């Protein structure tokens, strides 16, 4: 729906304040987002007040031992798995953020066209 690749020194919250207004403009029917604990804090109240987006934080228990599927978190992990099927995205070959974004778009376009082509 929206891609933004940034340097490692940019926090998740900073990146979200840049991309969420564009996402809201492009898809005005979106009303709820799920995010991990990296997005807690002011972003949740800012998104509700400014963009009318409800950001729900999916937290994991600190006392959790072993593997457990977290609610809605599997959607993100599944999408990362789809992206990593593209061999070029399995390693960090790209030097520029723009070329990395282009590779992600290319990978997801291949996935979507394969799914559309196999429909009866």
C-alpha atoms as a PDB file:
ATOM      1  CA  UNK A   1       0.000   0.000   0.000  1.00  0.00           C
ATOM      2  CA  UNK A   2       2.885   2.339   0.782  1.00  0.00           C
ATOM      3  CA  UNK A   3       6.638   1.886   0.870  1.00  0.00           C
ATOM      4  CA  UNK A   4       9.282   4.064   2.440  1.00  0.00           C
ATOM      5  CA  UNK A   5      12.857   2.868   2.884  1.00  0.00           C
ATOM      6  CA  UNK A   6      14.904   5.068   5.195  1.00  0.00           C
ATOM      7  CA  UNK A   7      18.372   4.959   6.756  1.00  0.00           C
ATOM      8  CA  UNK A   8      18.831   2.995   9.959  1.00  0.00           C
ATOM      9  CA  UNK A   9      19.152   6.139  12.100  1.00  0.00           C
ATOM     10  CA  UNK A  10      15.487   7.076  11.494  1.00  0.00           C
ATOM     11  CA  UNK A  11      13.143   5.661  14.131  1.00  0.00           C
ATOM     12  CA  UNK A  12       9.923   3.868  13.257  1.00  0.00           C
ATOM     13  CA  UNK A  13       7.833   6.656  14.765  1.00  0.00           C
ATOM     14  CA  UNK A  14       9.579   9.328  12.684  1.00  0.00           C
ATOM     15  CA  UNK A  15       9.083   7.314   9.506  1.00  0.00           C
ATOM     16  CA  UNK A  16       5.406   6.755  10.318  1.00  0.00           C
ATOM     17  CA  UNK A  17       4.720  10.475  10.663  1.00  0.00           C
ATOM     18  CA  UNK A  18       6.080  10.908   7.141  1.00  0.00           C
ATOM     19  CA  UNK A  19       4.254   8.050   5.430  1.00  0.00           C
ATOM     20  CA  UNK A  20       0.886   7.963   7.217  1.00  0.00           C
ATOM     21  CA  UNK A  21      -0.464  11.225   5.718  1.00  0.00           C
ATOM     22  CA  UNK A  22       0.340   9.940   2.222  1.00  0.00           C
ATOM     23  CA  UNK A  23      -1.290   6.603   3.023  1.00  0.00           C
ATOM     24  CA  UNK A  24      -4.385   8.366   4.353  1.00  0.00           C
ATOM     25  CA  UNK A  25      -4.645  10.536   1.230  1.00  0.00           C
ATOM     26  CA  UNK A  26      -4.251   7.567  -1.101  1.00  0.00           C
ATOM     27  CA  UNK A  27      -6.586   5.246   0.825  1.00  0.00           C
ATOM     28  CA  UNK A  28      -9.163   7.377   2.685  1.00  0.00           C
ATOM     29  CA  UNK A  29     -11.228   4.352   3.751  1.00  0.00           C
ATOM     30  CA  UNK A  30      -8.496   2.983   6.036  1.00  0.00           C
ATOM     31  CA  UNK A  31      -9.459   3.634   9.631  1.00  0.00           C
ATOM     32  CA  UNK A  32      -7.379   1.206  11.710  1.00  0.00           C
ATOM     33  CA  UNK A  33      -3.700   0.202  11.782  1.00  0.00           C
ATOM     34  CA  UNK A  34      -1.896  -2.497  13.711  1.00  0.00           C
ATOM     35  CA  UNK A  35       1.656  -1.769  14.803  1.00  0.00           C
ATOM     36  CA  UNK A  36       4.305  -3.251  17.051  1.00  0.00           C
ATOM     37  CA  UNK A  37       5.692  -1.642  20.190  1.00  0.00           C
ATOM     38  CA  UNK A  38       8.169   0.468  18.190  1.00  0.00           C
ATOM     39  CA  UNK A  39       5.286   2.798  17.342  1.00  0.00           C
ATOM     40  CA  UNK A  40       4.051   3.508  20.874  1.00  0.00           C
ATOM     41  CA  UNK A  41       3.930   6.974  22.334  1.00  0.00           C
ATOM     42  CA  UNK A  42       2.901  10.220  20.703  1.00  0.00           C
ATOM     43  CA  UNK A  43       2.309   8.606  17.304  1.00  0.00           C
ATOM     44  CA  UNK A  44      -0.858   6.867  18.498  1.00  0.00           C
ATOM     45  CA  UNK A  45      -2.495  10.092  19.709  1.00  0.00           C
ATOM     46  CA  UNK A  46      -1.161  12.105  16.741  1.00  0.00           C
ATOM     47  CA  UNK A  47      -2.595   9.645  14.206  1.00  0.00           C
ATOM     48  CA  UNK A  48      -5.991   9.742  15.903  1.00  0.00           C
ATOM     49  CA  UNK A  49      -6.102  13.541  16.264  1.00  0.00           C
ATOM     50  CA  UNK A  50      -4.650  14.551  12.904  1.00  0.00           C
ATOM     51  CA  UNK A  51      -5.474  11.673  10.541  1.00  0.00           C
ATOM     52  CA  UNK A  52      -8.426  10.022  12.306  1.00  0.00           C
ATOM     53  CA  UNK A  53      -6.545   6.692  12.245  1.00  0.00           C
ATOM     54  CA  UNK A  54      -6.789   4.294  15.163  1.00  0.00           C
ATOM     55  CA  UNK A  55      -3.363   2.749  15.785  1.00  0.00           C
ATOM     56  CA  UNK A  56      -3.570  -0.455  17.823  1.00  0.00           C
ATOM     57  CA  UNK A  57      -0.299  -1.625  19.342  1.00  0.00           C
ATOM     58  CA  UNK A  58       0.214  -5.403  19.281  1.00  0.00           C
ATOM     59  CA  UNK A  59       2.411  -6.173  22.265  1.00  0.00           C
ATOM     60  CA  UNK A  60       4.087  -9.400  23.173  1.00  0.00           C
ATOM     61  CA  UNK A  61       4.295 -10.606  26.749  1.00  0.00           C
ATOM     62  CA  UNK A  62       7.707 -10.262  28.375  1.00  0.00           C
ATOM     63  CA  UNK A  63       7.209 -13.478  30.334  1.00  0.00           C
ATOM     64  CA  UNK A  64       6.420 -15.427  27.170  1.00  0.00           C
ATOM     65  CA  UNK A  65       8.577 -18.486  26.575  1.00  0.00           C
ATOM     66  CA  UNK A  66       8.737 -20.204  23.222  1.00  0.00           C
ATOM     67  CA  UNK A  67       6.880 -19.282  20.056  1.00  0.00           C
ATOM     68  CA  UNK A  68       3.387 -17.848  20.040  1.00  0.00           C
ATOM     69  CA  UNK A  69       1.488 -16.236  17.181  1.00  0.00           C
ATOM     70  CA  UNK A  70       0.604 -12.648  18.051  1.00  0.00           C
ATOM     71  CA  UNK A  71      -2.671 -11.163  16.802  1.00  0.00           C
ATOM     72  CA  UNK A  72      -2.317  -9.511  13.361  1.00  0.00           C
ATOM     73  CA  UNK A  73       1.490  -9.734  13.574  1.00  0.00           C
ATOM     74  CA  UNK A  74       1.459 -12.781  11.308  1.00  0.00           C
ATOM     75  CA  UNK A  75       0.270 -10.599   8.413  1.00  0.00           C
ATOM     76  CA  UNK A  76       3.488  -8.578   8.468  1.00  0.00           C
ATOM     77  CA  UNK A  77       5.700 -11.640   8.896  1.00  0.00           C
ATOM     78  CA  UNK A  78       3.912 -13.395   6.023  1.00  0.00           C
ATOM     79  CA  UNK A  79       4.485 -10.368   3.781  1.00  0.00           C
ATOM     80  CA  UNK A  80       8.197 -10.341   4.666  1.00  0.00           C
ATOM     81  CA  UNK A  81       8.323 -14.031   3.750  1.00  0.00           C
ATOM     82  CA  UNK A  82       6.776 -13.288   0.353  1.00  0.00           C
ATOM     83  CA  UNK A  83       9.323 -10.532  -0.258  1.00  0.00           C
ATOM     84  CA  UNK A  84      12.264 -12.718   0.689  1.00  0.00           C
ATOM     85  CA  UNK A  85      11.329 -15.220  -2.021  1.00  0.00           C
ATOM     86  CA  UNK A  86      12.874 -12.684  -4.378  1.00  0.00           C
ATOM     87  CA  UNK A  87      16.528 -13.595  -4.208  1.00  0.00           C
ATOM     88  CA  UNK A  88      17.785 -10.022  -4.554  1.00  0.00           C
ATOM     89  CA  UNK A  89      15.855  -8.931  -1.449  1.00  0.00           C
ATOM     90  CA  UNK A  90      17.239 -11.792   0.660  1.00  0.00           C
ATOM     91  CA  UNK A  91      20.482  -9.835   1.109  1.00  0.00           C
ATOM     92  CA  UNK A  92      21.223  -6.127   1.334  1.00  0.00           C
ATOM     93  CA  UNK A  93      22.594  -5.517  -2.165  1.00  0.00           C
ATOM     94  CA  UNK A  94      21.009  -2.114  -2.719  1.00  0.00           C
ATOM     95  CA  UNK A  95      22.967   1.029  -1.928  1.00  0.00           C
ATOM     96  CA  UNK A  96      20.190   3.561  -2.410  1.00  0.00           C
ATOM     97  CA  UNK A  97      16.791   3.654  -0.729  1.00  0.00           C
ATOM     98  CA  UNK A  98      15.063   4.344  -4.048  1.00  0.00           C
ATOM     99  CA  UNK A  99      16.441   1.202  -5.683  1.00  0.00           C
ATOM    100  CA  UNK A 100      15.430  -0.874  -2.648  1.00  0.00           C
ATOM    101  CA  UNK A 101      11.890   0.510  -2.852  1.00  0.00           C
ATOM    102  CA  UNK A 102      11.828  -0.322  -6.570  1.00  0.00           C
ATOM    103  CA  UNK A 103      12.890  -3.909  -5.821  1.00  0.00           C
ATOM    104  CA  UNK A 104      10.092  -4.270  -3.268  1.00  0.00           C
ATOM    105  CA  UNK A 105       7.537  -2.959  -5.768  1.00  0.00           C
ATOM    106  CA  UNK A 106       8.925  -5.292  -8.432  1.00  0.00           C
ATOM    107  CA  UNK A 107       8.743  -8.286  -6.095  1.00  0.00           C
ATOM    108  CA  UNK A 108       5.157  -7.595  -5.031  1.00  0.00           C
ATOM    109  CA  UNK A 109       4.136  -6.937  -8.653  1.00  0.00           C
ATOM    110  CA  UNK A 110       5.531 -10.352  -9.631  1.00  0.00           C
ATOM    111  CA  UNK A 111       3.604 -11.960  -6.781  1.00  0.00           C
ATOM    112  CA  UNK A 112       0.333 -10.282  -7.745  1.00  0.00           C
ATOM    113  CA  UNK A 113       0.639 -11.025 -11.473  1.00  0.00           C
ATOM    114  CA  UNK A 114       1.403 -14.701 -10.790  1.00  0.00           C
ATOM    115  CA  UNK A 115      -1.675 -14.958  -8.606  1.00  0.00           C
ATOM    116  CA  UNK A 116      -3.857 -13.233 -11.187  1.00  0.00           C
ATOM    117  CA  UNK A 117      -2.501 -15.405 -14.024  1.00  0.00           C
ATOM    118  CA  UNK A 118      -3.333 -18.664 -12.198  1.00  0.00           C
ATOM    119  CA  UNK A 119      -6.996 -17.862 -11.637  1.00  0.00           C
ATOM    120  CA  UNK A 120      -9.416 -20.055 -13.622  1.00  0.00           C
END
